[in-house]
Amino acid sequence: METLIYPGPTDVLAAYGPLIAPRVPEAFDDRPYERFTVRPMTPTIGAEIGGVRLTGGLDDELLAELRRALLEWKVLVFRDQDIDRADHRAFAEQWGELEQHPFFKYIQPGQTDVDVVTLAKDAETAGTENNWHHDITWHATPSLGAVLRAVEVPPVGGDTLWADTGAAYDLLPADLKARIDPLVAEHDWISSFGRSMPAEAVEALRPQFPAVHHPVVRVHPETGRKCLFVNMLFTQHIVGMDPAESNELLTTLYRHVQRPELQCRLRWEPNTIAFWDNRACQHYAASDYFPARRVMERISIIGDRPVGVAG
């Protein structure tokens, strides 16, 4: 197989040729799935799961197989799931404690039930999720993942994209990996959510949610895979690095994650559900459908504190 060529030692953006990363670490349990079908969306990230109904609770065997599929594919898509909010919540609860989002009630009109966030977009309410990001990295324990349910979709557009940050790390040149492995970055919400919130709300919430530090390279707690863990929405700078150097390095990593070879793209249909591993991928909601209406409901699951390469 022809190998990936890098014109310079760290010029990752100038790379050309095949961009092929392993889908999972070598020790991953890759037995066939017995309880459902798997239709890959790309070679490394995203799969449509067939033969599963997300109502009535999942038995332990099915839940274990779905967990393995989530770790393998990072994004699981379930079509034709005509479920209500209670079913949605019940499915998410089988993966962990649900997350209460502290900011959406200030920036999303009418949002009150903040463990089920309704993302209603129309001609008057613009979609602003079109930045690559991991969810809630401004928190000490960012989300494990999120379950997104399509309630109303536009005739065309409004797709969601995900990028495999484990594959992104694997495809970096060795010297760049060595450079970023020990680094730590600061994450914050003031420059994103804070811009859309009343000043008094920002002042009240700031002591509860100070800026946090996370490793630039996160070790996935279940697979052991190294994953990039910086994103252009919430990452502020690399701790202890000259600002210009920090900006240059982060920009390089952000642009690398944006490579199409690292991504899958979902065209939504009514009653489609997507469940993704926030520890192993970033996502981006395309805002290309206005003035059409797009309504999604999202539930996220509390995760753990990210651990870096040095532990």
C-alpha atoms as a PDB file:
ATOM      1  CA  MET A   1       0.000   0.000   0.000  1.00  0.00           C
ATOM      2  CA  GLU A   2       1.236   3.469  -0.831  1.00  0.00           C
ATOM      3  CA  THR A   3       2.182   5.317   2.350  1.00  0.00           C
ATOM      4  CA  LEU A   4       1.212   8.764   3.542  1.00  0.00           C
ATOM      5  CA  ILE A   5       3.799  11.385   2.603  1.00  0.00           C
ATOM      6  CA  TYR A   6       4.656  14.397   4.746  1.00  0.00           C
ATOM      7  CA  PRO A   7       6.741  17.025   2.907  1.00  0.00           C
ATOM      8  CA  GLY A   8       8.114  18.361   6.202  1.00  0.00           C
ATOM      9  CA  PRO A   9       8.640  16.934   9.693  1.00  0.00           C
ATOM     10  CA  THR A  10       5.540  18.570  11.217  1.00  0.00           C
ATOM     11  CA  ASP A  11       3.798  19.991   8.152  1.00  0.00           C
ATOM     12  CA  VAL A  12       0.727  17.883   8.750  1.00  0.00           C
ATOM     13  CA  LEU A  13      -1.501  20.146   6.665  1.00  0.00           C
ATOM     14  CA  ALA A  14       0.594  19.485   3.565  1.00  0.00           C
ATOM     15  CA  ALA A  15       0.222  15.718   3.818  1.00  0.00           C
ATOM     16  CA  TYR A  16      -1.085  13.905   0.764  1.00  0.00           C
ATOM     17  CA  GLY A  17      -1.722  10.339  -0.286  1.00  0.00           C
ATOM     18  CA  PRO A  18      -3.804   7.735   1.567  1.00  0.00           C
ATOM     19  CA  LEU A  19      -5.061   8.842   4.971  1.00  0.00           C
ATOM     20  CA  ILE A  20      -5.846   5.495   6.544  1.00  0.00           C
ATOM     21  CA  ALA A  21      -5.928   4.869  10.286  1.00  0.00           C
ATOM     22  CA  PRO A  22      -6.954   1.729  12.154  1.00  0.00           C
ATOM     23  CA  ARG A  23     -10.552   1.814  13.324  1.00  0.00           C
ATOM     24  CA  VAL A  24      -9.698   0.392  16.754  1.00  0.00           C
ATOM     25  CA  PRO A  25      -6.597  -0.457  18.811  1.00  0.00           C
ATOM     26  CA  GLU A  26      -4.918  -3.792  18.122  1.00  0.00           C
ATOM     27  CA  ALA A  27      -6.262  -5.455  21.277  1.00  0.00           C
ATOM     28  CA  PHE A  28      -9.890  -4.538  20.563  1.00  0.00           C
ATOM     29  CA  ASP A  29     -12.469  -7.336  20.710  1.00  0.00           C
ATOM     30  CA  ASP A  30     -13.616  -7.465  17.081  1.00  0.00           C
ATOM     31  CA  ARG A  31     -15.977 -10.449  17.242  1.00  0.00           C
ATOM     32  CA  PRO A  32     -19.017 -10.269  14.928  1.00  0.00           C
ATOM     33  CA  TYR A  33     -22.156  -8.716  16.388  1.00  0.00           C
ATOM     34  CA  GLU A  34     -24.972 -11.200  16.982  1.00  0.00           C
ATOM     35  CA  ARG A  35     -27.927  -9.002  18.008  1.00  0.00           C
ATOM     36  CA  PHE A  36     -27.951  -6.426  15.194  1.00  0.00           C
ATOM     37  CA  THR A  37     -26.563  -5.539  11.791  1.00  0.00           C
ATOM     38  CA  VAL A  38     -23.836  -2.942  11.235  1.00  0.00           C
ATOM     39  CA  ARG A  39     -23.603  -0.852   8.065  1.00  0.00           C
ATOM     40  CA  PRO A  40     -20.449   1.291   8.096  1.00  0.00           C
ATOM     41  CA  MET A  41     -20.740   4.928   7.031  1.00  0.00           C
ATOM     42  CA  THR A  42     -16.951   5.241   6.501  1.00  0.00           C
ATOM     43  CA  PRO A  43     -13.972   2.933   7.097  1.00  0.00           C
ATOM     44  CA  THR A  44     -13.242   4.280  10.607  1.00  0.00           C
ATOM     45  CA  ILE A  45     -16.190   6.221  12.023  1.00  0.00           C
ATOM     46  CA  GLY A  46     -19.976   5.942  11.943  1.00  0.00           C
ATOM     47  CA  ALA A  47     -22.265   2.935  11.506  1.00  0.00           C
ATOM     48  CA  GLU A  48     -25.988   2.460  10.981  1.00  0.00           C
ATOM     49  CA  ILE A  49     -27.352  -0.188  13.350  1.00  0.00           C
ATOM     50  CA  GLY A  50     -30.232  -2.355  12.141  1.00  0.00           C
ATOM     51  CA  GLY A  51     -32.570  -4.681  13.984  1.00  0.00           C
ATOM     52  CA  VAL A  52     -32.732  -2.787  17.295  1.00  0.00           C
ATOM     53  CA  ARG A  53     -35.761  -1.028  18.792  1.00  0.00           C
ATOM     54  CA  LEU A  54     -34.897   1.597  21.377  1.00  0.00           C
ATOM     55  CA  THR A  55     -38.036   1.111  23.459  1.00  0.00           C
ATOM     56  CA  GLY A  56     -38.782  -0.939  26.527  1.00  0.00           C
ATOM     57  CA  GLY A  57     -35.204  -1.099  27.755  1.00  0.00           C
ATOM     58  CA  LEU A  58     -32.245  -3.076  26.458  1.00  0.00           C
ATOM     59  CA  ASP A  59     -31.224  -6.393  27.984  1.00  0.00           C
ATOM     60  CA  ASP A  60     -27.681  -6.735  29.319  1.00  0.00           C
ATOM     61  CA  GLU A  61     -26.403  -8.735  26.344  1.00  0.00           C
ATOM     62  CA  LEU A  62     -27.714  -6.244  23.796  1.00  0.00           C
ATOM     63  CA  LEU A  63     -26.411  -3.294  25.814  1.00  0.00           C
ATOM     64  CA  ALA A  64     -22.957  -4.881  25.989  1.00  0.00           C
ATOM     65  CA  GLU A  65     -22.888  -5.426  22.232  1.00  0.00           C
ATOM     66  CA  LEU A  66     -23.981  -1.853  21.578  1.00  0.00           C
ATOM     67  CA  ARG A  67     -21.262  -0.586  23.917  1.00  0.00           C
ATOM     68  CA  ARG A  68     -18.691  -2.545  21.941  1.00  0.00           C
ATOM     69  CA  ALA A  69     -20.094  -1.132  18.701  1.00  0.00           C
ATOM     70  CA  LEU A  70     -19.942   2.405  20.102  1.00  0.00           C
ATOM     71  CA  LEU A  71     -16.290   1.942  21.016  1.00  0.00           C
ATOM     72  CA  GLU A  72     -15.559   0.559  17.559  1.00  0.00           C
ATOM     73  CA  TRP A  73     -17.515   3.041  15.428  1.00  0.00           C
ATOM     74  CA  LYS A  74     -17.763   6.103  17.762  1.00  0.00           C
ATOM     75  CA  VAL A  75     -21.114   7.089  16.195  1.00  0.00           C
ATOM     76  CA  LEU A  76     -24.144   4.771  16.096  1.00  0.00           C
ATOM     77  CA  VAL A  77     -27.163   5.687  13.955  1.00  0.00           C
ATOM     78  CA  PHE A  78     -30.609   4.152  14.455  1.00  0.00           C
ATOM     79  CA  ARG A  79     -33.241   4.806  11.767  1.00  0.00           C
ATOM     80  CA  ASP A  80     -37.046   4.685  12.030  1.00  0.00           C
ATOM     81  CA  GLN A  81     -37.187   4.959  15.816  1.00  0.00           C
ATOM     82  CA  ASP A  82     -40.645   6.365  16.523  1.00  0.00           C
ATOM     83  CA  ILE A  83     -40.078   7.044  20.213  1.00  0.00           C
ATOM     84  CA  ASP A  84     -41.094   9.786  22.603  1.00  0.00           C
ATOM     85  CA  ARG A  85     -39.100  11.841  25.064  1.00  0.00           C
ATOM     86  CA  ALA A  86     -39.561   9.281  27.851  1.00  0.00           C
ATOM     87  CA  ASP A  87     -38.151   6.476  25.660  1.00  0.00           C
ATOM     88  CA  HIS A  88     -35.312   8.748  24.618  1.00  0.00           C
ATOM     89  CA  ARG A  89     -34.442   9.474  28.231  1.00  0.00           C
ATOM     90  CA  ALA A  90     -34.744   5.806  29.234  1.00  0.00           C
ATOM     91  CA  PHE A  91     -32.294   4.744  26.512  1.00  0.00           C
ATOM     92  CA  ALA A  92     -29.764   7.398  27.533  1.00  0.00           C
ATOM     93  CA  GLU A  93     -30.065   6.469  31.211  1.00  0.00           C
ATOM     94  CA  GLN A  94     -28.846   2.955  30.451  1.00  0.00           C
ATOM     95  CA  TRP A  95     -25.432   4.458  29.638  1.00  0.00           C
ATOM     96  CA  GLY A  96     -24.952   6.556  32.758  1.00  0.00           C
ATOM     97  CA  GLU A  97     -26.196   9.492  34.779  1.00  0.00           C
ATOM     98  CA  LEU A  98     -27.796  12.202  32.658  1.00  0.00           C
ATOM     99  CA  GLU A  99     -26.317  15.665  32.389  1.00  0.00           C
ATOM    100  CA  GLN A 100     -28.091  18.865  33.331  1.00  0.00           C
ATOM    101  CA  HIS A 101     -26.886  21.602  30.998  1.00  0.00           C
ATOM    102  CA  PRO A 102     -26.551  24.836  32.979  1.00  0.00           C
ATOM    103  CA  PHE A 103     -26.565  27.275  30.066  1.00  0.00           C
ATOM    104  CA  PHE A 104     -29.246  26.267  27.565  1.00  0.00           C
ATOM    105  CA  LYS A 105     -32.081  27.743  29.599  1.00  0.00           C
ATOM    106  CA  TYR A 106     -30.423  31.137  29.115  1.00  0.00           C
ATOM    107  CA  ILE A 107     -29.658  30.889  25.396  1.00  0.00           C
ATOM    108  CA  GLN A 108     -32.422  28.653  23.999  1.00  0.00           C
ATOM    109  CA  PRO A 109     -35.913  30.230  24.004  1.00  0.00           C
ATOM    110  CA  GLY A 110     -38.367  28.312  26.182  1.00  0.00           C
ATOM    111  CA  GLN A 111     -35.814  25.746  27.333  1.00  0.00           C
ATOM    112  CA  THR A 112     -36.651  24.536  30.837  1.00  0.00           C
ATOM    113  CA  ASP A 113     -36.098  20.756  30.965  1.00  0.00           C
ATOM    114  CA  VAL A 114     -32.328  20.966  30.599  1.00  0.00           C
ATOM    115  CA  ASP A 115     -31.506  17.267  30.773  1.00  0.00           C
ATOM    116  CA  VAL A 116     -33.358  16.987  27.446  1.00  0.00           C
ATOM    117  CA  VAL A 117     -32.160  19.947  25.394  1.00  0.00           C
ATOM    118  CA  THR A 118     -34.478  20.940  22.551  1.00  0.00           C
ATOM    119  CA  LEU A 119     -32.551  22.471  19.669  1.00  0.00           C
ATOM    120  CA  ALA A 120     -35.276  24.225  17.681  1.00  0.00           C
ATOM    121  CA  LYS A 121     -33.994  26.217  14.712  1.00  0.00           C
ATOM    122  CA  ASP A 122     -36.007  28.181  12.179  1.00  0.00           C
ATOM    123  CA  ALA A 123     -35.924  31.392  10.165  1.00  0.00           C
ATOM    124  CA  GLU A 124     -35.738  33.465  13.363  1.00  0.00           C
ATOM    125  CA  THR A 125     -33.497  31.247  15.514  1.00  0.00           C
ATOM    126  CA  ALA A 126     -30.172  30.586  13.851  1.00  0.00           C
ATOM    127  CA  GLY A 127     -28.223  27.364  14.224  1.00  0.00           C
ATOM    128  CA  THR A 128     -24.893  28.128  15.879  1.00  0.00           C
ATOM    129  CA  GLU A 129     -23.479  24.622  16.346  1.00  0.00           C
ATOM    130  CA  ASN A 130     -21.470  24.807  13.113  1.00  0.00           C
ATOM    131  CA  ASN A 131     -18.086  24.735  14.828  1.00  0.00           C
ATOM    132  CA  TRP A 132     -16.140  21.539  15.374  1.00  0.00           C
ATOM    133  CA  HIS A 133     -16.303  20.648  19.048  1.00  0.00           C
ATOM    134  CA  HIS A 134     -16.436  18.048  21.764  1.00  0.00           C
ATOM    135  CA  ASP A 135     -19.371  18.653  24.095  1.00  0.00           C
ATOM    136  CA  ILE A 136     -18.859  20.330  27.453  1.00  0.00           C
ATOM    137  CA  THR A 137     -15.056  20.287  27.602  1.00  0.00           C
ATOM    138  CA  TRP A 138     -15.344  23.402  29.780  1.00  0.00           C
ATOM    139  CA  HIS A 139     -16.414  21.026  32.565  1.00  0.00           C
ATOM    140  CA  ALA A 140     -14.035  19.023  34.749  1.00  0.00           C
ATOM    141  CA  THR A 141     -15.843  15.863  33.589  1.00  0.00           C
ATOM    142  CA  PRO A 142     -16.898  16.335  29.937  1.00  0.00           C
ATOM    143  CA  SER A 143     -19.750  14.250  28.543  1.00  0.00           C
ATOM    144  CA  LEU A 144     -19.313  10.545  27.893  1.00  0.00           C
ATOM    145  CA  GLY A 145     -21.598  10.924  24.908  1.00  0.00           C
ATOM    146  CA  ALA A 146     -24.917  12.224  23.674  1.00  0.00           C
ATOM    147  CA  VAL A 147     -28.103  10.842  22.142  1.00  0.00           C
ATOM    148  CA  LEU A 148     -29.612  13.129  19.498  1.00  0.00           C
ATOM    149  CA  ARG A 149     -33.157  12.520  18.193  1.00  0.00           C
ATOM    150  CA  ALA A 150     -34.559  14.047  14.998  1.00  0.00           C
ATOM    151  CA  VAL A 151     -38.013  15.484  15.708  1.00  0.00           C
ATOM    152  CA  GLU A 152     -38.416  17.665  12.604  1.00  0.00           C
ATOM    153  CA  VAL A 153     -35.940  17.915   9.749  1.00  0.00           C
ATOM    154  CA  PRO A 154     -35.629  20.290   6.792  1.00  0.00           C
ATOM    155  CA  PRO A 155     -36.281  18.976   3.261  1.00  0.00           C
ATOM    156  CA  VAL A 156     -32.560  19.188   2.559  1.00  0.00           C
ATOM    157  CA  GLY A 157     -29.527  20.230   4.601  1.00  0.00           C
ATOM    158  CA  GLY A 158     -28.999  20.283   8.346  1.00  0.00           C
ATOM    159  CA  ASP A 159     -26.625  17.302   8.303  1.00  0.00           C
ATOM    160  CA  THR A 160     -24.383  16.487  11.266  1.00  0.00           C
ATOM    161  CA  LEU A 161     -20.736  15.522  10.814  1.00  0.00           C
ATOM    162  CA  TRP A 162     -18.415  13.716  13.219  1.00  0.00           C
ATOM    163  CA  ALA A 163     -14.615  13.466  13.154  1.00  0.00           C
ATOM    164  CA  ASP A 164     -12.621  10.563  14.584  1.00  0.00           C
ATOM    165  CA  THR A 165     -10.069  12.132  16.943  1.00  0.00           C
ATOM    166  CA  GLY A 166      -8.337   8.811  17.594  1.00  0.00           C
ATOM    167  CA  ALA A 167      -7.695   8.368  13.878  1.00  0.00           C
ATOM    168  CA  ALA A 168      -6.640  12.031  13.750  1.00  0.00           C
ATOM    169  CA  TYR A 169      -3.989  11.392  16.393  1.00  0.00           C
ATOM    170  CA  ASP A 170      -2.794   8.175  14.750  1.00  0.00           C
ATOM    171  CA  LEU A 171      -2.182   9.962  11.452  1.00  0.00           C
ATOM    172  CA  LEU A 172       0.034  12.670  12.925  1.00  0.00           C
ATOM    173  CA  PRO A 173       3.790  12.397  12.308  1.00  0.00           C
ATOM    174  CA  ALA A 174       5.798  10.944  15.186  1.00  0.00           C
ATOM    175  CA  ASP A 175       7.569  14.174  16.100  1.00  0.00           C
ATOM    176  CA  LEU A 176       4.284  16.068  16.383  1.00  0.00           C
ATOM    177  CA  LYS A 177       2.843  13.314  18.582  1.00  0.00           C
ATOM    178  CA  ALA A 178       5.880  13.554  20.855  1.00  0.00           C
ATOM    179  CA  ARG A 179       5.431  17.318  21.029  1.00  0.00           C
ATOM    180  CA  ILE A 180       1.767  17.293  22.022  1.00  0.00           C
ATOM    181  CA  ASP A 181       1.630  14.171  24.240  1.00  0.00           C
ATOM    182  CA  PRO A 182       2.635  15.983  27.465  1.00  0.00           C
ATOM    183  CA  LEU A 183       0.722  19.227  26.817  1.00  0.00           C
ATOM    184  CA  VAL A 184      -2.284  20.584  28.698  1.00  0.00           C
ATOM    185  CA  ALA A 185      -4.858  23.078  27.370  1.00  0.00           C
ATOM    186  CA  GLU A 186      -7.311  25.416  29.048  1.00  0.00           C
ATOM    187  CA  HIS A 187     -11.026  25.111  28.210  1.00  0.00           C
ATOM    188  CA  ASP A 188     -13.732  27.662  28.970  1.00  0.00           C
ATOM    189  CA  TRP A 189     -17.338  28.586  28.135  1.00  0.00           C
ATOM    190  CA  ILE A 190     -17.211  32.377  28.470  1.00  0.00           C
ATOM    191  CA  SER A 191     -16.276  33.001  24.820  1.00  0.00           C
ATOM    192  CA  SER A 192     -19.014  30.679  23.501  1.00  0.00           C
ATOM    193  CA  PHE A 193     -22.104  30.204  25.685  1.00  0.00           C
ATOM    194  CA  GLY A 194     -21.240  33.269  27.722  1.00  0.00           C
ATOM    195  CA  ARG A 195     -21.593  35.576  24.728  1.00  0.00           C
ATOM    196  CA  SER A 196     -25.302  34.733  24.408  1.00  0.00           C
ATOM    197  CA  MET A 197     -26.196  34.904  28.092  1.00  0.00           C
ATOM    198  CA  PRO A 198     -27.337  37.823  30.245  1.00  0.00           C
ATOM    199  CA  ALA A 199     -24.448  39.424  32.111  1.00  0.00           C
ATOM    200  CA  GLU A 200     -26.010  38.636  35.488  1.00  0.00           C
ATOM    201  CA  ALA A 201     -26.286  34.933  34.569  1.00  0.00           C
ATOM    202  CA  VAL A 202     -22.633  34.832  33.539  1.00  0.00           C
ATOM    203  CA  GLU A 203     -21.632  36.466  36.815  1.00  0.00           C
ATOM    204  CA  ALA A 204     -23.734  34.026  38.847  1.00  0.00           C
ATOM    205  CA  LEU A 205     -22.508  30.900  37.063  1.00  0.00           C
ATOM    206  CA  ARG A 206     -18.841  31.810  36.717  1.00  0.00           C
ATOM    207  CA  PRO A 207     -17.797  30.641  40.219  1.00  0.00           C
ATOM    208  CA  GLN A 208     -19.483  27.262  39.612  1.00  0.00           C
ATOM    209  CA  PHE A 209     -17.794  26.735  36.243  1.00  0.00           C
ATOM    210  CA  PRO A 210     -14.265  28.141  36.203  1.00  0.00           C
ATOM    211  CA  ALA A 211     -11.885  27.470  33.334  1.00  0.00           C
ATOM    212  CA  VAL A 212     -10.500  23.905  33.436  1.00  0.00           C
ATOM    213  CA  HIS A 213      -7.361  22.176  32.194  1.00  0.00           C
ATOM    214  CA  HIS A 214      -7.426  18.986  30.123  1.00  0.00           C
ATOM    215  CA  PRO A 215      -4.682  17.029  28.335  1.00  0.00           C
ATOM    216  CA  VAL A 216      -4.238  17.870  24.654  1.00  0.00           C
ATOM    217  CA  VAL A 217      -4.071  14.111  24.031  1.00  0.00           C
ATOM    218  CA  ARG A 218      -6.631  12.112  25.980  1.00  0.00           C
ATOM    219  CA  VAL A 219      -6.326   8.381  26.636  1.00  0.00           C
ATOM    220  CA  HIS A 220      -9.733   6.808  26.079  1.00  0.00           C
ATOM    221  CA  PRO A 221     -10.797   5.230  29.395  1.00  0.00           C
ATOM    222  CA  GLU A 222     -12.259   2.084  27.787  1.00  0.00           C
ATOM    223  CA  THR A 223     -10.089   1.410  24.724  1.00  0.00           C
ATOM    224  CA  GLY A 224      -6.794   2.966  25.823  1.00  0.00           C
ATOM    225  CA  ARG A 225      -6.537   4.757  22.482  1.00  0.00           C
ATOM    226  CA  LYS A 226      -4.898   8.184  22.303  1.00  0.00           C
ATOM    227  CA  CYS A 227      -7.295  10.851  20.999  1.00  0.00           C
ATOM    228  CA  LEU A 228      -6.880  14.542  20.300  1.00  0.00           C
ATOM    229  CA  PHE A 229      -8.867  16.468  22.896  1.00  0.00           C
ATOM    230  CA  VAL A 230      -8.779  20.101  21.821  1.00  0.00           C
ATOM    231  CA  ASN A 231     -11.551  21.876  19.937  1.00  0.00           C
ATOM    232  CA  MET A 232     -11.997  25.287  18.388  1.00  0.00           C
ATOM    233  CA  LEU A 233     -15.156  26.148  20.340  1.00  0.00           C
ATOM    234  CA  PHE A 234     -13.997  25.695  23.933  1.00  0.00           C
ATOM    235  CA  THR A 235     -10.185  25.328  23.961  1.00  0.00           C
ATOM    236  CA  GLN A 236      -8.579  28.666  24.847  1.00  0.00           C
ATOM    237  CA  HIS A 237      -4.830  28.073  24.753  1.00  0.00           C
ATOM    238  CA  ILE A 238      -2.099  25.597  25.637  1.00  0.00           C
ATOM    239  CA  VAL A 239      -0.966  26.101  29.203  1.00  0.00           C
ATOM    240  CA  GLY A 240       2.506  27.562  29.618  1.00  0.00           C
ATOM    241  CA  MET A 241       3.081  28.126  25.892  1.00  0.00           C
ATOM    242  CA  ASP A 242       3.730  31.408  24.139  1.00  0.00           C
ATOM    243  CA  PRO A 243       0.349  32.648  22.802  1.00  0.00           C
ATOM    244  CA  ALA A 244       1.485  32.810  19.178  1.00  0.00           C
ATOM    245  CA  GLU A 245       2.991  29.322  19.331  1.00  0.00           C
ATOM    246  CA  SER A 246      -0.121  27.996  21.085  1.00  0.00           C
ATOM    247  CA  ASN A 247      -2.402  29.472  18.447  1.00  0.00           C
ATOM    248  CA  GLU A 248      -0.300  28.058  15.619  1.00  0.00           C
ATOM    249  CA  LEU A 249      -0.206  24.569  17.114  1.00  0.00           C
ATOM    250  CA  LEU A 250      -3.912  24.489  17.948  1.00  0.00           C
ATOM    251  CA  THR A 251      -4.802  25.739  14.469  1.00  0.00           C
ATOM    252  CA  THR A 252      -2.743  22.917  12.969  1.00  0.00           C
ATOM    253  CA  LEU A 253      -4.598  20.339  15.077  1.00  0.00           C
ATOM    254  CA  TYR A 254      -8.026  21.845  14.353  1.00  0.00           C
ATOM    255  CA  ARG A 255      -7.418  21.856  10.603  1.00  0.00           C
ATOM    256  CA  HIS A 256      -6.159  18.287  10.737  1.00  0.00           C
ATOM    257  CA  VAL A 257      -9.401  17.132  12.412  1.00  0.00           C
ATOM    258  CA  GLN A 258     -11.323  18.810   9.578  1.00  0.00           C
ATOM    259  CA  ARG A 259      -9.946  16.375   6.972  1.00  0.00           C
ATOM    260  CA  PRO A 260     -12.840  14.551   5.245  1.00  0.00           C
ATOM    261  CA  GLU A 261     -10.993  11.221   5.525  1.00  0.00           C
ATOM    262  CA  LEU A 262     -11.485  11.412   9.299  1.00  0.00           C
ATOM    263  CA  GLN A 263     -15.208  12.145   9.142  1.00  0.00           C
ATOM    264  CA  CYS A 264     -18.658  10.708   8.621  1.00  0.00           C
ATOM    265  CA  ARG A 265     -21.757  12.699   7.664  1.00  0.00           C
ATOM    266  CA  LEU A 266     -25.355  11.931   8.595  1.00  0.00           C
ATOM    267  CA  ARG A 267     -28.336  12.995   6.513  1.00  0.00           C
ATOM    268  CA  TRP A 268     -31.172  13.132   9.001  1.00  0.00           C
ATOM    269  CA  GLU A 269     -34.632  11.697   8.497  1.00  0.00           C
ATOM    270  CA  PRO A 270     -37.551  11.939  10.933  1.00  0.00           C
ATOM    271  CA  ASN A 271     -37.151   9.462  13.800  1.00  0.00           C
ATOM    272  CA  THR A 272     -33.421   9.047  13.257  1.00  0.00           C
ATOM    273  CA  ILE A 273     -31.320   8.795  16.413  1.00  0.00           C
ATOM    274  CA  ALA A 274     -27.550   9.243  16.659  1.00  0.00           C
ATOM    275  CA  PHE A 275     -25.492   8.257  19.691  1.00  0.00           C
ATOM    276  CA  TRP A 276     -21.853   9.281  19.776  1.00  0.00           C
ATOM    277  CA  ASP A 277     -18.803   8.821  21.995  1.00  0.00           C
ATOM    278  CA  ASN A 278     -17.798  12.350  22.957  1.00  0.00           C
ATOM    279  CA  ARG A 279     -14.459  11.076  24.234  1.00  0.00           C
ATOM    280  CA  ALA A 280     -13.420   9.840  20.792  1.00  0.00           C
ATOM    281  CA  CYS A 281     -14.925  12.266  18.290  1.00  0.00           C
ATOM    282  CA  GLN A 282     -15.904  15.851  17.603  1.00  0.00           C
ATOM    283  CA  HIS A 283     -19.062  16.943  15.788  1.00  0.00           C
ATOM    284  CA  TYR A 284     -20.376  19.785  13.641  1.00  0.00           C
ATOM    285  CA  ALA A 285     -23.981  20.667  12.757  1.00  0.00           C
ATOM    286  CA  ALA A 286     -24.234  22.182   9.277  1.00  0.00           C
ATOM    287  CA  SER A 287     -26.324  25.392   9.287  1.00  0.00           C
ATOM    288  CA  ASP A 288     -27.304  25.388   5.621  1.00  0.00           C
ATOM    289  CA  TYR A 289     -31.077  24.944   5.772  1.00  0.00           C
ATOM    290  CA  PHE A 290     -32.611  28.311   6.665  1.00  0.00           C
ATOM    291  CA  PRO A 291     -35.395  29.409   6.535  1.00  0.00           C
ATOM    292  CA  ALA A 292     -36.489  25.772   6.891  1.00  0.00           C
ATOM    293  CA  ARG A 293     -37.134  24.396  10.370  1.00  0.00           C
ATOM    294  CA  ARG A 294     -34.980  21.827  12.176  1.00  0.00           C
ATOM    295  CA  VAL A 295     -35.895  20.467  15.612  1.00  0.00           C
ATOM    296  CA  MET A 296     -33.657  18.034  17.474  1.00  0.00           C
ATOM    297  CA  GLU A 297     -33.672  16.801  21.061  1.00  0.00           C
ATOM    298  CA  ARG A 298     -30.411  15.933  22.763  1.00  0.00           C
ATOM    299  CA  ILE A 299     -29.615  14.125  25.996  1.00  0.00           C
ATOM    300  CA  SER A 300     -26.027  13.883  27.174  1.00  0.00           C
ATOM    301  CA  ILE A 301     -24.444  11.501  29.669  1.00  0.00           C
ATOM    302  CA  ILE A 302     -21.965  12.513  32.341  1.00  0.00           C
ATOM    303  CA  GLY A 303     -18.422  11.379  31.656  1.00  0.00           C
ATOM    304  CA  ASP A 304     -15.183  11.166  33.636  1.00  0.00           C
ATOM    305  CA  ARG A 305     -12.147  13.369  34.121  1.00  0.00           C
ATOM    306  CA  PRO A 306      -9.861  13.122  31.041  1.00  0.00           C
ATOM    307  CA  VAL A 307      -6.513  11.430  31.633  1.00  0.00           C
ATOM    308  CA  GLY A 308      -3.481  12.220  29.510  1.00  0.00           C
ATOM    309  CA  VAL A 309      -0.608  10.131  28.236  1.00  0.00           C
ATOM    310  CA  ALA A 310       1.396  10.628  31.442  1.00  0.00           C
ATOM    311  CA  GLY A 311      -1.566   9.526  33.579  1.00  0.00           C
END
